[in-house]
Amino acid sequence: MQFQSAGYIFAFNFSAAMGGIYLLLGGNIGNRAMYLSMATEKISLLIGKIKASSSIWETEPWGFKHDTPFLNQLLVTDTRLEPAGVLVALRAIEKKLGRIRRGGEVAARTIDIDILFYNDRIISHKNLVIPHPELHKRRFALEPLVEVNPGLVHPVFNKTVSELLAECNDSCQVRKLQPGEPEII
């Protein structure tokens, strides 16, 4: 079955079992909290029901220098989309929210949405690698994962995300925003 939304065509495979995916949202341009909220709403509409979410984390840019830190949040959602369909939907959401891609360059952005895990599947294609290939090196991804599901096992390394966080050498600053703490725009 297919449907079209905002000029994009999405295909569903209803014979596939419900999938659980872990998505990491982040951005450091504009109203960061608003972009996280808008992306969450669009993910819920286009990909599937949000089952869990982490706190919002403020994180130092990883891999490049910028004055504005990122806000990051982890979402766990159900979907009937295959991984490639999830990627297409996520790229459409990013584009709708003003994300500009500059090849492989890491840069400031309104929103970035990464697929960290899709159940325990291992996928290695040119445009899609799951689990995320840099996940174990990034404290800003591991901290919210551990908050939501500390016993989640990485299917490649056969270690929990808690173990990966304990072994992570990333020194970038990552801090959980407290409830009611204003997110600086």
Protein backbone atom coordinates (compact mmCIF):
# COMPACT_ATOMS: atom_id res chain seq x y z
CA MET A 1 0.00 0.00 0.00
CA GLN A 2 1.25 3.52 -0.81
CA PHE A 3 0.19 7.01 0.15
CA GLN A 4 1.40 10.44 -0.81
CA SER A 5 2.01 13.29 1.66
CA ALA A 6 3.63 16.65 0.93
CA GLY A 7 4.80 15.36 -2.45
CA TYR A 8 6.47 12.23 -1.03
CA ILE A 9 5.30 8.70 -1.65
CA PHE A 10 5.48 6.26 1.28
CA ALA A 11 5.16 2.50 0.88
CA PHE A 12 3.92 0.24 3.65
CA ASN A 13 4.50 -3.48 3.92
CA PHE A 14 1.63 -4.61 6.12
CA SER A 15 2.89 -8.18 6.18
CA ALA A 16 5.98 -7.02 8.07
CA ALA A 17 5.94 -7.23 11.86
CA MET A 18 5.79 -3.99 13.82
CA GLY A 19 9.30 -2.62 14.11
CA GLY A 20 10.79 -0.65 16.98
CA ILE A 21 13.25 2.04 16.03
CA TYR A 22 15.49 4.36 18.04
CA LEU A 23 15.88 7.81 16.53
CA LEU A 24 18.14 10.61 17.70
CA LEU A 25 17.00 14.15 16.96
CA GLY A 26 19.27 17.15 17.26
CA GLY A 27 19.79 20.68 16.08
CA ASN A 28 21.63 23.88 16.92
CA ILE A 29 20.18 26.55 14.61
CA GLY A 30 17.11 28.64 15.37
CA ASN A 31 14.56 27.67 18.00
CA ARG A 32 16.10 24.31 18.87
CA ALA A 33 13.29 23.16 21.17
CA MET A 34 10.65 24.05 18.59
CA TYR A 35 12.45 22.04 15.89
CA LEU A 36 12.64 19.00 18.20
CA SER A 37 8.91 19.32 18.90
CA MET A 38 7.98 19.75 15.25
CA ALA A 39 10.15 16.79 14.21
CA THR A 40 8.57 14.61 16.91
CA GLU A 41 5.09 15.52 15.68
CA LYS A 42 5.98 14.73 12.07
CA ILE A 43 7.66 11.43 13.03
CA SER A 44 4.50 10.43 14.88
CA LEU A 45 2.41 11.20 11.79
CA LEU A 46 4.65 9.74 9.07
CA ILE A 47 6.55 6.92 10.77
CA GLY A 48 4.67 5.66 13.80
CA LYS A 49 3.49 6.10 17.36
CA ILE A 50 6.12 7.38 19.80
CA LYS A 51 6.54 4.74 22.53
CA ALA A 52 9.20 6.50 24.62
CA SER A 53 11.36 9.60 24.63
CA SER A 54 14.38 10.77 26.55
CA SER A 55 14.88 14.03 28.33
CA ILE A 56 16.26 16.86 26.25
CA TRP A 57 20.04 17.00 26.36
CA GLU A 58 22.23 19.99 25.59
CA THR A 59 25.39 18.88 23.87
CA GLU A 60 28.58 20.33 22.52
CA PRO A 61 28.85 20.08 18.71
CA TRP A 62 30.60 16.85 17.74
CA GLY A 63 33.10 16.87 14.88
CA PHE A 64 33.07 20.64 14.28
CA LYS A 65 33.20 23.96 16.14
CA HIS A 66 30.14 26.15 16.64
CA ASP A 67 29.07 28.66 19.29
CA THR A 68 25.60 27.19 19.79
CA PRO A 69 25.27 23.79 21.46
CA PHE A 70 22.84 21.18 20.17
CA LEU A 71 19.64 20.08 21.79
CA ASN A 72 19.23 16.33 21.38
CA GLN A 73 16.41 13.93 22.18
CA LEU A 74 15.96 10.21 21.66
CA LEU A 75 12.64 8.79 20.45
CA VAL A 76 11.53 5.18 20.33
CA THR A 77 8.75 4.51 17.86
CA ASP A 78 6.86 1.71 16.21
CA THR A 79 6.63 1.57 12.46
CA ARG A 80 5.43 -0.57 9.62
CA LEU A 81 7.94 1.05 7.28
CA GLU A 82 11.02 -0.82 6.21
CA PRO A 83 14.32 0.91 7.14
CA ALA A 84 14.76 2.52 3.70
CA GLY A 85 11.22 3.93 3.95
CA VAL A 86 12.00 5.34 7.40
CA LEU A 87 15.11 7.02 5.97
CA VAL A 88 13.12 8.60 3.12
CA ALA A 89 10.51 9.89 5.58
CA LEU A 90 13.18 11.27 7.93
CA ARG A 91 14.95 13.09 5.09
CA ALA A 92 11.61 14.60 4.03
CA ILE A 93 10.99 15.80 7.60
CA GLU A 94 14.48 17.30 7.82
CA LYS A 95 14.01 19.12 4.51
CA LYS A 96 10.58 20.42 5.55
CA LEU A 97 12.16 21.79 8.75
CA GLY A 98 14.90 23.65 6.88
CA ARG A 99 17.78 21.18 6.98
CA ILE A 100 20.36 21.94 4.31
CA ARG A 101 22.75 19.11 3.45
CA ARG A 102 26.20 19.95 2.14
CA GLY A 103 27.49 16.59 0.97
CA GLY A 104 29.28 14.76 3.77
CA GLU A 105 30.20 17.98 5.59
CA VAL A 106 29.29 18.12 9.28
CA ALA A 107 27.79 21.53 10.01
CA ALA A 108 25.26 23.44 12.10
CA ARG A 109 21.65 22.55 11.29
CA THR A 110 18.03 23.13 12.25
CA ILE A 111 17.37 19.42 12.66
CA ASP A 112 19.15 16.15 12.15
CA ILE A 113 17.43 12.80 12.64
CA ASP A 114 19.52 9.65 12.79
CA ILE A 115 18.37 6.05 12.90
CA LEU A 116 20.40 4.52 15.74
CA PHE A 117 18.73 1.09 15.84
CA TYR A 118 15.97 -0.66 13.91
CA ASN A 119 15.15 -3.61 16.17
CA ASP A 120 18.25 -5.79 16.12
CA ARG A 121 18.74 -5.50 12.37
CA ILE A 122 22.17 -4.96 10.87
CA ILE A 123 22.12 -3.09 7.55
CA SER A 124 25.11 -1.91 5.56
CA HIS A 125 24.24 -0.08 2.36
CA LYS A 126 25.77 2.97 0.70
CA ASN A 127 23.10 5.35 2.05
CA LEU A 128 21.93 3.47 5.14
CA VAL A 129 23.94 1.84 7.90
CA ILE A 130 22.12 0.46 10.95
CA PRO A 131 23.07 0.44 13.78
CA HIS A 132 24.46 3.95 13.35
CA PRO A 133 28.18 3.41 12.62
CA GLU A 134 29.41 6.18 14.98
CA LEU A 135 26.99 5.52 17.84
CA HIS A 136 29.54 3.92 20.17
CA LYS A 137 31.83 6.97 19.82
CA ARG A 138 29.22 9.62 20.65
CA ARG A 139 28.33 10.44 24.24
CA PHE A 140 25.45 12.67 23.03
CA ALA A 141 23.77 9.58 21.55
CA LEU A 142 24.68 7.12 24.31
CA GLU A 143 23.50 9.24 27.28
CA PRO A 144 19.85 9.47 26.11
CA LEU A 145 19.91 5.81 25.02
CA VAL A 146 21.03 4.75 28.50
CA GLU A 147 18.35 6.98 30.04
CA VAL A 148 15.59 5.27 28.01
CA ASN A 149 16.87 1.67 27.76
CA PRO A 150 20.18 0.96 29.56
CA GLY A 151 19.99 -2.77 28.77
CA LEU A 152 19.57 -2.34 25.01
CA VAL A 153 22.14 -4.57 23.30
CA HIS A 154 24.09 -3.30 20.30
CA PRO A 155 23.74 -6.15 17.75
CA VAL A 156 27.22 -5.66 16.26
CA PHE A 157 29.26 -5.24 19.45
CA ASN A 158 27.03 -7.50 21.58
CA LYS A 159 27.29 -5.00 24.45
CA THR A 160 24.63 -2.98 26.20
CA VAL A 161 24.44 0.73 25.54
CA SER A 162 25.40 1.18 29.23
CA GLU A 163 28.61 -0.76 28.60
CA LEU A 164 29.31 1.27 25.46
CA LEU A 165 28.82 4.51 27.41
CA ALA A 166 31.23 3.32 30.13
CA GLU A 167 33.84 2.60 27.42
CA CYS A 168 33.22 5.79 25.40
CA ASN A 169 36.22 8.12 25.11
CA ASP A 170 34.18 11.10 23.83
CA SER A 171 35.00 14.16 25.95
CA CYS A 172 32.32 16.46 24.51
CA GLN A 173 30.11 18.05 27.14
CA VAL A 174 26.64 16.54 27.43
CA ARG A 175 24.12 17.58 30.07
CA LYS A 176 20.50 16.69 30.68
CA LEU A 177 18.22 19.72 30.89
CA GLN A 178 16.18 19.73 34.08
CA PRO A 179 12.36 19.88 33.95
CA GLY A 180 11.28 23.48 33.65
CA GLU A 181 14.74 24.67 32.65
CA PRO A 182 14.35 27.05 29.73
CA GLU A 183 15.99 25.97 26.51
CA ILE A 184 17.96 28.94 25.23
CA ILE A 185 16.89 29.72 21.69
